[in-house]
Amino acid sequence: MSDVTSRPDPMIPCKPGAEDLTAMNNRNTWMTMLYMLEGRDNRDHPKCGLYTGLHKKHFSTFPGTDEN
């Protein structure tokens, strides 16, 4: 079954706050990947050093995602 309820999002913590280390690590890995994909590690990039807006910009880029 490919229902969303049968496979939870690995970036949604199942423990309160930041206690779910696996979910927090997944979020960190995801944001770092987007940061590098955008080239924000390059000093010449206008948003170098900023993670602001990365998730929102790329959320619907990948199959199976829908922001509603």
Protein backbone atom coordinates (compact mmCIF):
# COMPACT_ATOMS: atom_id res chain seq x y z
CA MET A 1 0.00 0.00 0.00
CA SER A 2 1.46 3.38 -0.98
CA ASP A 3 -0.87 5.40 1.23
CA VAL A 4 0.82 8.29 3.05
CA THR A 5 -0.45 6.99 6.38
CA SER A 6 1.30 3.65 5.92
CA ARG A 7 4.72 5.25 5.39
CA PRO A 8 5.33 8.31 7.59
CA ASP A 9 7.47 11.19 6.43
CA PRO A 10 11.03 10.58 7.72
CA MET A 11 11.44 14.30 8.42
CA ILE A 12 8.46 14.54 10.79
CA PRO A 13 9.59 13.89 14.36
CA CYS A 14 7.74 11.31 16.42
CA LYS A 15 9.16 12.69 19.68
CA PRO A 16 8.61 16.17 21.15
CA GLY A 17 10.87 19.02 20.14
CA ALA A 18 14.24 18.04 18.74
CA GLU A 19 14.48 14.76 20.65
CA ASP A 20 13.95 12.68 17.50
CA LEU A 21 17.56 12.69 16.37
CA THR A 22 16.88 10.63 13.25
CA ALA A 23 14.24 13.07 11.97
CA MET A 24 16.41 16.09 12.81
CA ASN A 25 19.39 14.50 11.02
CA ASN A 26 17.17 13.82 7.98
CA ARG A 27 16.09 17.48 7.93
CA ASN A 28 19.70 18.64 8.20
CA THR A 29 20.79 16.34 5.36
CA TRP A 30 17.87 17.52 3.19
CA MET A 31 18.59 21.21 3.74
CA THR A 32 22.33 20.74 3.16
CA MET A 33 21.61 18.93 -0.11
CA LEU A 34 19.36 21.79 -1.27
CA TYR A 35 21.96 24.35 -0.15
CA MET A 36 24.64 22.66 -2.27
CA LEU A 37 22.22 22.11 -5.19
CA GLU A 38 21.52 25.86 -5.32
CA GLY A 39 25.24 26.65 -5.18
CA ARG A 40 24.85 28.71 -2.01
CA ASP A 41 28.22 27.43 -0.81
CA ASN A 42 29.77 29.61 -3.55
CA ARG A 43 30.84 33.02 -2.22
CA ASP A 44 29.53 34.68 -5.40
CA HIS A 45 25.96 33.41 -4.87
CA PRO A 46 23.63 36.25 -3.76
CA LYS A 47 22.26 34.06 -0.93
CA CYS A 48 25.58 32.55 0.14
CA GLY A 49 25.38 31.43 3.76
CA LEU A 50 21.56 31.53 3.90
CA TYR A 51 19.22 28.55 4.10
CA THR A 52 16.16 30.82 3.94
CA GLY A 53 13.54 29.75 1.40
CA LEU A 54 15.25 26.53 0.26
CA HIS A 55 12.55 24.09 1.37
CA LYS A 56 9.70 26.23 0.06
CA LYS A 57 11.39 26.68 -3.32
CA HIS A 58 12.12 22.98 -3.85
CA PHE A 59 9.24 21.30 -1.99
CA SER A 60 7.19 20.43 -5.09
CA THR A 61 10.22 19.74 -7.31
CA PHE A 62 10.43 16.10 -6.31
CA PRO A 63 7.84 13.41 -7.20
CA GLY A 64 5.30 12.53 -4.55
CA THR A 65 5.30 15.92 -2.87
CA ASP A 66 2.43 18.34 -2.79
CA GLU A 67 2.28 21.46 -0.67
CA ASN A 68 -1.29 22.05 0.48
